[in-house]
Structures are given as structure tokens and as C-alpha cells.
């Protein structure tokens, strides 16, 4: 694949920096942050080249480098051996330049202003929420003047053509009703709703619509932002990314997906089932085309079995009906607006939502940590949901994240333990994901990164 070396002046907030900020940027980019910054910038420059094999991309562009250089205009980015697809006639595509600037902005901000600040307690629930808030605010992700209108769309990067087309139609119906879209910013069910909404927003003369992508370093390295994303925020880890979704979004749609989608669902239900959140509206709809009916029936059975039938009160399943889905989102927005208005809470950040600290704390999916998960049906529900979420998070890491893939290559599959009934249900669900090619992009041979032990 062809490569280009060039110099780029970044966009956005990176154009207006103090001399101290410039010095910190340059220093951080050459220190321990260098490899993370390199991988994330490469992922953005590789946007539009679908892959979920980080090793392949890193091998193709093993000589890629990015350097932050202080200059009289603030900073300059010296890019060496970048993917040629990010450029047109030698000039970087404007959207890619903006997304690349967002990556640098967020990684450096967390590294220098939050993680390195002794006043920020990232082991405390309120401290974690405040960190999420500050990262989003620094990224200009809040619209204080807007009514609730952000629909979070979750689903897999590896979905069928009919599922992708359906997600586009849902996005179109949402756009006709002036809803904005937030996704994990990758391909598949993350791209479809955004693409559909762009046409509807154009018809309603509401362009530019908001196409907000929330990612984290381990994910973006293998799921490059799709070209429609016009606001990108990089959270430092998966837990803060999940919190950002439920704090900024006003409703959630779930399209078919794999282990990552299961992780997102479990996090969301762990939040909504907390007693403090009773009455705090968060409309949730699982939806897909007719071909996805069995998929959602399988998800529904698993959730009811593992958590209890009361979990079904927290979501609706709508099959092959984009108009009904969009109308449910509009109705949900009115409930959210009414609830927050009465309680003087912000529309743009759900401060009233209680997120259990156990779901906020970072889980590192090492072999030892995965082996220590205790998945038994007789455990307290909040503990079981927490550890199920962590189990699926580990599988995502072992499937696609560079560090997780390297760990599997070095030490073999993760072991996931629990009682026989629950492990059978988990194995059945994961086997279905694999058979439906939801673990890797079609054409890839999937080798399970886990082993079920009961």
C-alpha cells in the first residue's frame, strides 16, 4: 500500500494553545504516550480501509511515525509513511485532518490534565464521572441549548448486508425526525444509522447533523472512524467510553452484534437496574430486520436466564419496523426532557443517572483477571452483571485489541469459569455469534480467544 510523508497543521482547539500546553504536548508525544498516539493516529488515517486486524495494519505501516513539533503557530504534526488513501492530490482529506486532531486532543488532555492531576481521583465514582465530563467538555461535545435529541446506536462492525441496510433505514427515519446519532464510530451498525441520517438531515435542511463517535485507544486501533463521523471523542478506556454513551445519549438503539454489543447491553442493564435509577427514563429498543428475529430472541433468552425475567422491563424488541423504532425514540425524548426539566438537570449530560462504581472501575483483561471471574447464577445480580460484562470485554480484547491479541498469542485462550448452567448459556451465545460471523469480519478465520470452564 502506498504511503505519504508530510507536515500538517491540526484543526480545532489545537490551533490555540499556550506555550506551556505546546511544551506538554510535545513532551507527552515523545514519552510513554508515543505508541498509543501512533496507533490511534494511524487508525484515523486508515479510515475507509475496512479491517479488524490491528497487527496487519501495523505491519503494513510499520514505519509510520507521527511527531508533535512546536512552531510559532502552536504545533505542527510531522507525519511519515502514512496511508496514501488519507490524501487527495497530496493534501490530507479535511474530515480525516479533523478526526486526527481530535485523537491528539483527547489523548494528550487525559494524559496531561486528568491522569496527571493529583486532584482527580480516578478510583472514586464521582471522580470518574467528572473525568468523563471534562473530556467531553474539552472536546466541545455538549450542546447546552439543544433539546434531547441524541440516539445512541450500538451494534456490530461485522453484520450482514440486510442488517446494514436496515440500520441505514432506521437512521433515515431518525433523521427525518431531527434526531442526531451517536455510535462507536466504526463500520457496520455504527456506520449505517449515520449514513441513513445524512440523507434525512439534508431533506429536513438540518445539516450539518451530529454524527458523534465515541471510541477508546484499544478499539479505534482496529475500528477506524467511518467517514461520516464529524465529532470524535477518544475516552481513555472502555469503562469511561460506556459511561460517556449513557451520560450524553438520551435513548439507546441496539442492532445485531457480537461480544462487544453484549458487553454494551450488560453495562446498560447494570445501570438501569440500579434502584436509584427507577423512574429516570432511558428508552431502549433492540431492533433489526426479519432475519435478526432469532438473534434477538437468543439475546432475550440469555438475559432473562442470567439476570432474571424482570430485565425485560428495561427494553423493547421491534423487528423490521424502522418507523415504529423512530417514533418510540421521539416519544422517549419527550419523557427525558420532561424528567430533566422537572429536576433541573442538564439535557446534555445525565448527572442524575447512578452508575455503580463496580461498572466504572477499569478491568484489565489479563489471563489472571479473566480466570478469576466467578460466573455463578447464585451470586448477587449486580456482581454477576459486572463480571459478565467483564467476561465479554475480555473476549473483545482477545479478538481484536492489540494488547489482548498479543496476550492470547503468548499464553493461549482466556479461561472463563462458572457454574455449568450459566457457562452453557454463555457458550451457546458465543457459538451463535461465531456461526453468524459476528466475531470477525467476513472472510476472516476466527480462532476463539476463550475457553469455557465449568
Protein backbone atom coordinates (compact mmCIF):
# COMPACT_ATOMS: atom_id res chain seq x y z
CA UNK A 1 0.00 0.00 0.00
CA UNK A 2 1.34 3.45 -0.93
CA UNK A 3 2.41 5.85 1.80
CA UNK A 4 2.95 9.61 2.13
CA UNK A 5 5.10 11.78 4.38
CA UNK A 6 4.01 15.35 5.01
CA UNK A 7 3.55 18.16 7.52
CA UNK A 8 0.07 19.03 8.83
CA UNK A 9 -1.25 21.84 10.98
CA UNK A 10 -4.04 20.47 13.19
CA UNK A 11 -7.60 21.74 13.43
CA UNK A 12 -9.81 22.90 16.28
CA UNK A 13 -8.61 23.63 19.79
CA UNK A 14 -5.05 22.57 18.89
CA UNK A 15 -4.72 25.85 16.97
CA UNK A 16 -4.96 27.93 20.17
CA UNK A 17 -2.50 26.67 22.74
CA UNK A 18 -0.35 28.35 25.36
CA UNK A 19 3.40 27.83 25.29
CA UNK A 20 3.12 25.54 28.32
CA UNK A 21 0.46 23.45 26.59
CA UNK A 22 2.62 23.18 23.47
CA UNK A 23 5.55 22.02 25.58
CA UNK A 24 3.44 19.40 27.35
CA UNK A 25 2.05 18.17 24.02
CA UNK A 26 5.49 17.74 22.50
CA UNK A 27 6.85 16.09 25.64
CA UNK A 28 3.95 13.66 26.04
CA UNK A 29 4.01 12.68 22.37
CA UNK A 30 7.61 11.56 22.70
CA UNK A 31 7.22 9.76 26.02
CA UNK A 32 5.14 6.80 27.16
CA UNK A 33 2.18 8.10 25.15
CA UNK A 34 4.04 7.83 21.86
CA UNK A 35 3.00 4.31 20.81
CA UNK A 36 -0.66 4.83 21.78
CA UNK A 37 -0.71 8.12 19.88
CA UNK A 38 0.94 6.47 16.87
CA UNK A 39 -1.61 3.63 16.73
CA UNK A 40 -4.64 5.88 17.11
CA UNK A 41 -3.50 8.43 14.51
CA UNK A 42 -2.70 5.59 12.10
CA UNK A 43 -6.21 4.19 12.64
CA UNK A 44 -7.77 7.53 11.69
CA UNK A 45 -5.54 7.88 8.63
CA UNK A 46 -6.60 4.36 7.64
CA UNK A 47 -10.30 5.31 7.72
CA UNK A 48 -12.24 3.74 4.86
CA UNK A 49 -10.00 0.67 4.65
CA UNK A 50 -12.11 -1.94 6.49
CA UNK A 51 -10.17 -4.33 8.72
CA UNK A 52 -10.31 -5.57 12.29
CA UNK A 53 -6.76 -6.90 12.25
CA UNK A 54 -4.57 -4.36 14.04
CA UNK A 55 -1.44 -6.44 13.51
CA UNK A 56 -1.98 -6.38 9.76
CA UNK A 57 -2.31 -2.60 9.70
CA UNK A 58 0.71 -2.11 11.96
CA UNK A 59 2.72 -4.48 9.78
CA UNK A 60 1.72 -2.67 6.59
CA UNK A 61 2.71 0.67 8.10
CA UNK A 62 5.46 -0.42 10.45
CA UNK A 63 7.48 2.66 9.54
CA UNK A 64 4.62 5.10 10.20
CA UNK A 65 5.53 7.86 12.65
CA UNK A 66 3.85 10.99 13.98
CA UNK A 67 5.72 13.78 15.77
CA UNK A 68 4.37 16.86 17.53
CA UNK A 69 6.64 19.81 16.69
CA UNK A 70 6.35 23.20 18.47
CA UNK A 71 6.17 26.10 15.98
CA UNK A 72 5.20 29.76 16.10
CA UNK A 73 1.61 28.83 15.13
CA UNK A 74 1.30 26.39 18.04
CA UNK A 75 2.11 22.88 16.84
CA UNK A 76 2.80 21.05 13.63
CA UNK A 77 2.39 17.34 13.02
CA UNK A 78 5.17 15.67 11.07
CA UNK A 79 3.68 12.52 9.52
CA UNK A 80 5.91 9.88 7.98
CA UNK A 81 4.78 6.90 5.84
CA UNK A 82 1.03 7.48 6.27
CA UNK A 83 -1.65 5.64 4.22
CA UNK A 84 -1.99 7.37 0.85
CA UNK A 85 -5.78 6.86 0.96
CA UNK A 86 -6.00 9.69 3.51
CA UNK A 87 -4.81 12.19 0.90
CA UNK A 88 -6.12 13.63 -2.36
CA UNK A 89 -3.51 15.06 -4.70
CA UNK A 90 -1.09 15.19 -1.82
CA UNK A 91 -3.45 17.06 0.53
CA UNK A 92 -5.00 15.38 3.56
CA UNK A 93 -8.78 14.94 3.43
CA UNK A 94 -10.35 17.61 5.61
CA UNK A 95 -12.51 15.24 7.68
CA UNK A 96 -9.53 12.98 8.40
CA UNK A 97 -7.48 16.01 9.47
CA UNK A 98 -10.22 16.96 11.94
CA UNK A 99 -10.52 13.43 13.35
CA UNK A 100 -6.75 13.11 13.66
CA UNK A 101 -6.68 16.38 15.61
CA UNK A 102 -9.43 15.03 17.88
CA UNK A 103 -7.35 11.94 18.67
CA UNK A 104 -4.35 14.05 19.67
CA UNK A 105 -6.53 16.48 21.63
CA UNK A 106 -8.17 13.76 23.74
CA UNK A 107 -5.14 11.54 24.38
CA UNK A 108 -2.98 14.47 25.42
CA UNK A 109 -5.73 16.09 27.50
CA UNK A 110 -6.31 12.98 29.56
CA UNK A 111 -2.59 12.34 29.93
CA UNK A 112 -1.65 15.87 31.00
CA UNK A 113 -4.77 17.36 32.60
CA UNK A 114 -6.64 14.45 34.22
CA UNK A 115 -4.45 11.42 34.79
CA UNK A 116 -1.54 13.60 35.80
CA UNK A 117 -3.61 15.85 38.09
CA UNK A 118 -3.38 14.85 41.79
CA UNK A 119 -6.79 16.47 42.42
CA UNK A 120 -8.51 13.89 40.20
CA UNK A 121 -9.36 10.64 41.99
CA UNK A 122 -9.94 8.06 39.28
CA UNK A 123 -10.62 5.39 41.89
CA UNK A 124 -13.72 7.23 43.10
CA UNK A 125 -17.11 7.07 41.38
CA UNK A 126 -17.69 10.82 41.28
CA UNK A 127 -14.08 11.39 40.20
CA UNK A 128 -14.54 9.03 37.24
CA UNK A 129 -17.78 10.73 36.20
CA UNK A 130 -16.12 14.14 36.45
CA UNK A 131 -13.25 12.91 34.25
CA UNK A 132 -15.74 11.73 31.61
CA UNK A 133 -17.49 15.10 31.80
CA UNK A 134 -14.25 17.06 31.41
CA UNK A 135 -13.06 15.01 28.43
CA UNK A 136 -16.40 15.54 26.67
CA UNK A 137 -16.47 19.24 27.52
CA UNK A 138 -12.91 19.73 26.27
CA UNK A 139 -14.00 18.05 23.04
CA UNK A 140 -16.93 20.50 22.71
CA UNK A 141 -19.34 17.57 22.73
CA UNK A 142 -22.07 19.38 24.67
CA UNK A 143 -24.94 21.38 23.16
CA UNK A 144 -26.47 23.17 26.18
CA UNK A 145 -29.03 24.97 24.03
CA UNK A 146 -30.43 21.81 22.39
CA UNK A 147 -33.39 19.70 23.50
CA UNK A 148 -32.73 15.96 23.99
CA UNK A 149 -32.07 14.51 20.52
CA UNK A 150 -29.10 12.12 20.71
CA UNK A 151 -29.83 8.47 19.91
CA UNK A 152 -27.01 6.08 20.80
CA UNK A 153 -26.81 3.25 18.27
CA UNK A 154 -24.93 0.09 19.24
CA UNK A 155 -24.27 -2.98 17.11
CA UNK A 156 -21.55 -5.00 15.47
CA UNK A 157 -18.90 -3.99 12.97
CA UNK A 158 -19.41 -7.37 11.27
CA UNK A 159 -23.05 -7.58 10.16
CA UNK A 160 -24.88 -8.87 7.08
CA UNK A 161 -25.86 -6.69 4.14
CA UNK A 162 -29.54 -6.82 5.09
CA UNK A 163 -28.75 -5.78 8.67
CA UNK A 164 -26.61 -2.89 7.42
CA UNK A 165 -29.35 -1.70 5.07
CA UNK A 166 -31.87 -1.91 7.89
CA UNK A 167 -29.66 0.19 10.18
CA UNK A 168 -29.47 2.81 7.41
CA UNK A 169 -33.26 2.89 7.12
CA UNK A 170 -33.61 3.34 10.88
CA UNK A 171 -31.08 6.17 10.75
CA UNK A 172 -33.06 7.73 7.89
CA UNK A 173 -36.28 7.63 9.91
CA UNK A 174 -34.49 9.13 12.91
CA UNK A 175 -33.03 11.89 10.74
CA UNK A 176 -36.45 12.75 9.33
CA UNK A 177 -37.49 13.38 12.93
CA UNK A 178 -34.41 15.58 13.50
CA UNK A 179 -32.69 13.10 15.78
CA UNK A 180 -28.89 13.05 15.94
CA UNK A 181 -26.74 9.90 16.02
CA UNK A 182 -24.05 8.71 18.39
CA UNK A 183 -22.22 5.42 17.77
CA UNK A 184 -18.92 3.68 18.46
CA UNK A 185 -17.82 5.34 15.18
CA UNK A 186 -16.71 2.20 13.32
CA UNK A 187 -18.19 0.23 10.44
CA UNK A 188 -21.34 -1.90 10.16
CA UNK A 189 -24.11 -0.97 12.59
CA UNK A 190 -22.06 2.04 13.70
CA UNK A 191 -21.91 3.49 10.19
CA UNK A 192 -25.36 2.54 8.87
CA UNK A 193 -27.51 4.82 11.10
CA UNK A 194 -25.20 7.77 10.44
CA UNK A 195 -25.33 7.21 6.69
CA UNK A 196 -29.11 6.98 6.68
CA UNK A 197 -29.46 10.08 8.83
CA UNK A 198 -27.33 12.22 6.49
CA UNK A 199 -29.93 11.93 3.71
CA UNK A 200 -32.82 12.69 6.05
CA UNK A 201 -31.00 15.63 7.62
CA UNK A 202 -30.39 17.01 4.13
CA UNK A 203 -34.11 16.68 3.31
CA UNK A 204 -35.07 18.41 6.54
CA UNK A 205 -32.41 21.10 5.94
CA UNK A 206 -30.84 20.35 9.32
CA UNK A 207 -27.31 19.83 8.04
CA UNK A 208 -24.79 19.53 9.43
CA UNK A 209 -26.29 16.85 11.61
CA UNK A 210 -24.39 15.50 14.58
CA UNK A 211 -22.62 12.22 13.97
CA UNK A 212 -20.84 11.70 17.25
CA UNK A 213 -18.36 8.84 17.55
CA UNK A 214 -17.09 7.66 20.93
CA UNK A 215 -14.10 5.35 20.96
CA UNK A 216 -11.11 4.32 23.08
CA UNK A 217 -7.49 3.53 22.17
CA UNK A 218 -7.82 -0.25 22.09
CA UNK A 219 -10.92 -0.15 19.86
CA UNK A 220 -10.01 2.65 17.46
CA UNK A 221 -6.79 0.83 16.58
CA UNK A 222 -8.92 -1.81 14.80
CA UNK A 223 -12.19 0.06 14.14
CA UNK A 224 -11.22 3.21 12.30
CA UNK A 225 -13.78 6.04 12.40
CA UNK A 226 -16.17 5.82 9.48
CA UNK A 227 -16.11 8.81 7.09
CA UNK A 228 -19.44 10.20 8.32
CA UNK A 229 -18.30 10.87 11.89
CA UNK A 230 -17.99 14.65 12.31
CA UNK A 231 -17.37 14.67 16.06
CA UNK A 232 -14.90 12.20 17.54
CA UNK A 233 -14.07 11.75 21.22
CA UNK A 234 -11.48 9.28 22.49
CA UNK A 235 -12.11 8.14 26.06
CA UNK A 236 -9.14 6.53 27.88
CA UNK A 237 -10.71 3.09 28.38
CA UNK A 238 -13.82 1.05 27.66
CA UNK A 239 -15.50 1.78 31.01
CA UNK A 240 -15.32 5.56 30.54
CA UNK A 241 -16.43 5.15 26.95
CA UNK A 242 -19.53 3.24 28.09
CA UNK A 243 -20.26 5.88 30.72
CA UNK A 244 -19.93 8.61 28.09
CA UNK A 245 -22.56 6.85 25.97
CA UNK A 246 -25.18 6.73 28.72
CA UNK A 247 -24.41 10.21 30.09
CA UNK A 248 -24.61 12.01 26.71
CA UNK A 249 -27.22 9.88 24.92
CA UNK A 250 -30.93 10.24 25.55
CA UNK A 251 -32.05 6.89 24.15
CA UNK A 252 -30.36 3.68 23.02
CA UNK A 253 -30.92 1.51 19.95
CA UNK A 254 -29.24 -1.90 19.76
CA UNK A 255 -28.70 -3.53 16.38
CA UNK A 256 -27.32 -7.07 15.96
CA UNK A 257 -23.71 -7.50 17.05
CA UNK A 258 -21.24 -9.77 18.77
CA UNK A 259 -19.32 -9.85 22.03
CA UNK A 260 -18.84 -6.07 22.11
CA UNK A 261 -22.57 -5.45 21.74
CA UNK A 262 -23.27 -7.98 24.52
CA UNK A 263 -20.83 -6.08 26.73
CA UNK A 264 -22.61 -2.80 26.00
CA UNK A 265 -26.02 -4.32 26.74
CA UNK A 266 -24.84 -5.73 30.07
CA UNK A 267 -23.33 -2.40 31.11
CA UNK A 268 -26.53 -0.56 30.24
CA UNK A 269 -28.76 -3.03 32.08
CA UNK A 270 -26.46 -2.96 35.09
CA UNK A 271 -27.08 0.79 35.22
CA UNK A 272 -30.83 0.74 34.55
CA UNK A 273 -31.48 -1.99 37.12
CA UNK A 274 -29.89 0.07 39.90
CA UNK A 275 -32.62 1.11 42.37
CA UNK A 276 -31.56 4.77 42.22
CA UNK A 277 -32.40 4.89 38.52
CA UNK A 278 -36.02 3.80 38.78
CA UNK A 279 -38.07 6.48 37.05
CA UNK A 280 -35.08 8.02 35.23
CA UNK A 281 -36.16 7.46 31.60
CA UNK A 282 -33.73 5.85 29.16
CA UNK A 283 -35.67 4.39 26.21
CA UNK A 284 -34.01 1.19 24.95
CA UNK A 285 -35.02 -0.68 21.81
CA UNK A 286 -33.44 -3.79 20.29
CA UNK A 287 -34.10 -3.82 16.57
CA UNK A 288 -33.16 -5.47 13.28
CA UNK A 289 -34.65 -6.85 10.06
CA UNK A 290 -36.74 -10.02 9.96
CA UNK A 291 -33.56 -12.06 9.56
CA UNK A 292 -32.47 -10.84 13.02
CA UNK A 293 -35.58 -12.10 14.83
CA UNK A 294 -33.85 -15.26 16.07
CA UNK A 295 -30.77 -13.26 17.07
CA UNK A 296 -32.74 -11.03 19.42
CA UNK A 297 -34.79 -13.95 20.72
CA UNK A 298 -31.48 -15.56 21.66
CA UNK A 299 -30.25 -12.38 23.37
CA UNK A 300 -33.55 -12.01 25.19
CA UNK A 301 -33.46 -15.61 26.48
CA UNK A 302 -29.89 -15.24 27.66
CA UNK A 303 -30.58 -12.01 29.54
CA UNK A 304 -33.74 -13.37 31.15
CA UNK A 305 -31.95 -16.57 32.20
CA UNK A 306 -28.79 -14.91 33.53
CA UNK A 307 -30.29 -11.81 35.15
CA UNK A 308 -33.95 -12.65 35.64
CA UNK A 309 -37.21 -12.04 33.74
CA UNK A 310 -37.54 -8.56 35.28
CA UNK A 311 -34.79 -7.42 32.91
CA UNK A 312 -37.31 -7.47 30.05
CA UNK A 313 -38.97 -4.38 31.54
CA UNK A 314 -35.89 -2.34 30.54
CA UNK A 315 -36.07 -2.80 26.76
CA UNK A 316 -38.40 -3.43 23.85
CA UNK A 317 -37.76 -5.61 20.81
CA UNK A 318 -39.02 -4.25 17.48
CA UNK A 319 -38.42 -6.33 14.37
CA UNK A 320 -38.42 -4.94 10.82
CA UNK A 321 -40.22 -1.68 11.56
CA UNK A 322 -37.96 1.41 11.28
CA UNK A 323 -40.86 3.87 11.54
CA UNK A 324 -42.06 2.44 14.86
CA UNK A 325 -38.49 2.47 16.16
CA UNK A 326 -38.09 6.15 15.28
CA UNK A 327 -41.44 7.08 16.81
CA UNK A 328 -40.50 5.30 20.05
CA UNK A 329 -37.31 7.35 20.14
CA UNK A 330 -39.26 10.59 19.70
CA UNK A 331 -41.67 9.61 22.49
CA UNK A 332 -38.71 8.71 24.68
CA UNK A 333 -37.08 12.09 24.07
CA UNK A 334 -40.18 13.83 25.38
CA UNK A 335 -40.06 11.71 28.56
CA UNK A 336 -36.38 12.52 29.04
CA UNK A 337 -36.97 16.24 28.53
CA UNK A 338 -39.90 16.31 30.97
CA UNK A 339 -37.99 14.36 33.64
CA UNK A 340 -34.88 16.52 33.50
CA UNK A 341 -36.82 19.77 33.27
CA UNK A 342 -38.71 18.97 36.47
CA UNK A 343 -35.45 18.12 38.26
CA UNK A 344 -33.36 20.96 36.82
CA UNK A 345 -30.88 18.51 35.32
CA UNK A 346 -28.84 19.23 32.20
CA UNK A 347 -30.16 17.94 28.89
CA UNK A 348 -26.63 17.37 27.59
CA UNK A 349 -25.19 15.25 30.44
CA UNK A 350 -27.21 12.90 32.62
CA UNK A 351 -25.92 13.81 36.07
CA UNK A 352 -28.89 12.16 37.80
CA UNK A 353 -28.00 8.70 36.50
CA UNK A 354 -26.37 6.49 39.11
CA UNK A 355 -23.65 4.25 37.68
CA UNK A 356 -22.40 1.58 40.12
CA UNK A 357 -18.73 2.05 40.86
CA UNK A 358 -18.15 -1.63 40.04
CA UNK A 359 -19.12 -0.86 36.43
CA UNK A 360 -16.91 2.23 36.34
CA UNK A 361 -13.70 0.68 37.61
CA UNK A 362 -11.29 -0.32 34.88
CA UNK A 363 -10.97 -4.04 34.21
CA UNK A 364 -7.76 -5.20 32.57
CA UNK A 365 -8.46 -8.46 30.71
CA UNK A 366 -5.32 -10.37 31.63
CA UNK A 367 -5.32 -14.15 31.84
CA UNK A 368 -5.26 -13.97 35.65
CA UNK A 369 -8.15 -11.50 35.82
CA UNK A 370 -10.27 -13.43 33.33
CA UNK A 371 -9.60 -16.67 35.20
CA UNK A 372 -10.70 -15.08 38.48
CA UNK A 373 -14.18 -14.11 37.23
CA UNK A 374 -16.79 -16.09 39.15
CA UNK A 375 -19.85 -16.54 36.96
CA UNK A 376 -22.49 -18.26 39.06
CA UNK A 377 -26.25 -17.78 38.99
CA UNK A 378 -26.44 -17.68 42.81
CA UNK A 379 -24.29 -14.54 43.06
CA UNK A 380 -25.89 -11.14 43.77
CA UNK A 381 -27.24 -9.78 40.50
CA UNK A 382 -25.09 -6.63 40.47
CA UNK A 383 -21.93 -8.72 40.92
CA UNK A 384 -22.96 -11.19 38.22
CA UNK A 385 -23.77 -8.43 35.72
CA UNK A 386 -20.43 -6.77 36.48
CA UNK A 387 -18.47 -9.98 35.86
CA UNK A 388 -20.47 -10.98 32.78
CA UNK A 389 -19.70 -7.56 31.34
CA UNK A 390 -16.03 -8.10 32.12
CA UNK A 391 -16.04 -11.56 30.53
CA UNK A 392 -17.39 -10.21 27.24
CA UNK A 393 -14.99 -7.26 27.45
CA UNK A 394 -12.11 -9.71 27.72
CA UNK A 395 -13.34 -11.61 24.67
CA UNK A 396 -13.46 -8.36 22.68
CA UNK A 397 -9.90 -7.65 23.78
CA UNK A 398 -8.71 -11.12 22.81
CA UNK A 399 -10.50 -10.90 19.47
CA UNK A 400 -9.31 -7.54 18.18
CA UNK A 401 -7.45 -5.27 20.62
CA UNK A 402 -3.68 -5.27 20.04
CA UNK A 403 -2.72 -5.94 23.68
CA UNK A 404 -5.34 -8.68 24.05
CA UNK A 405 -4.38 -10.36 20.79
CA UNK A 406 -0.73 -10.35 21.86
CA UNK A 407 -1.64 -11.88 25.24
CA UNK A 408 -3.61 -14.69 23.58
CA UNK A 409 -0.77 -15.36 21.18
CA UNK A 410 1.68 -15.59 24.08
CA UNK A 411 -0.38 -17.50 26.67
CA UNK A 412 -3.23 -19.16 24.82
CA UNK A 413 -7.01 -18.63 25.25
CA UNK A 414 -8.56 -16.95 28.26
CA UNK A 415 -10.37 -19.30 30.62
CA UNK A 416 -13.89 -18.27 31.61
CA UNK A 417 -15.26 -20.09 34.67
CA UNK A 418 -18.65 -20.52 36.24
CA UNK A 419 -21.43 -22.90 37.09
CA UNK A 420 -22.46 -25.38 34.44
CA UNK A 421 -25.86 -23.88 33.61
CA UNK A 422 -24.59 -20.36 33.11
CA UNK A 423 -21.48 -21.48 31.23
CA UNK A 424 -23.67 -23.49 28.87
CA UNK A 425 -25.76 -20.37 28.18
CA UNK A 426 -22.64 -18.23 27.62
CA UNK A 427 -21.12 -20.86 25.33
CA UNK A 428 -24.35 -21.15 23.35
CA UNK A 429 -24.49 -17.38 22.84
CA UNK A 430 -20.84 -17.11 21.79
CA UNK A 431 -21.16 -20.09 19.46
CA UNK A 432 -24.13 -18.40 17.77
CA UNK A 433 -22.10 -15.19 17.36
CA UNK A 434 -19.31 -17.18 15.74
CA UNK A 435 -21.62 -19.11 13.41
CA UNK A 436 -23.21 -15.84 12.29
CA UNK A 437 -19.73 -14.33 11.63
CA UNK A 438 -20.16 -11.66 14.28
CA UNK A 439 -16.75 -12.12 15.91
CA UNK A 440 -14.64 -11.09 12.90
CA UNK A 441 -15.22 -9.50 9.52
CA UNK A 442 -16.43 -11.98 6.84
CA UNK A 443 -13.56 -13.79 5.19
CA UNK A 444 -11.51 -13.98 8.38
CA UNK A 445 -10.94 -17.31 10.07
CA UNK A 446 -11.96 -16.97 13.71
CA UNK A 447 -9.94 -18.76 16.35
CA UNK A 448 -11.70 -18.46 19.74
CA UNK A 449 -9.69 -16.47 22.24
CA UNK A 450 -11.52 -18.10 25.17
CA UNK A 451 -12.25 -21.48 26.67
CA UNK A 452 -15.36 -22.15 28.73
CA UNK A 453 -14.70 -23.98 32.00
CA UNK A 454 -17.50 -25.26 34.26
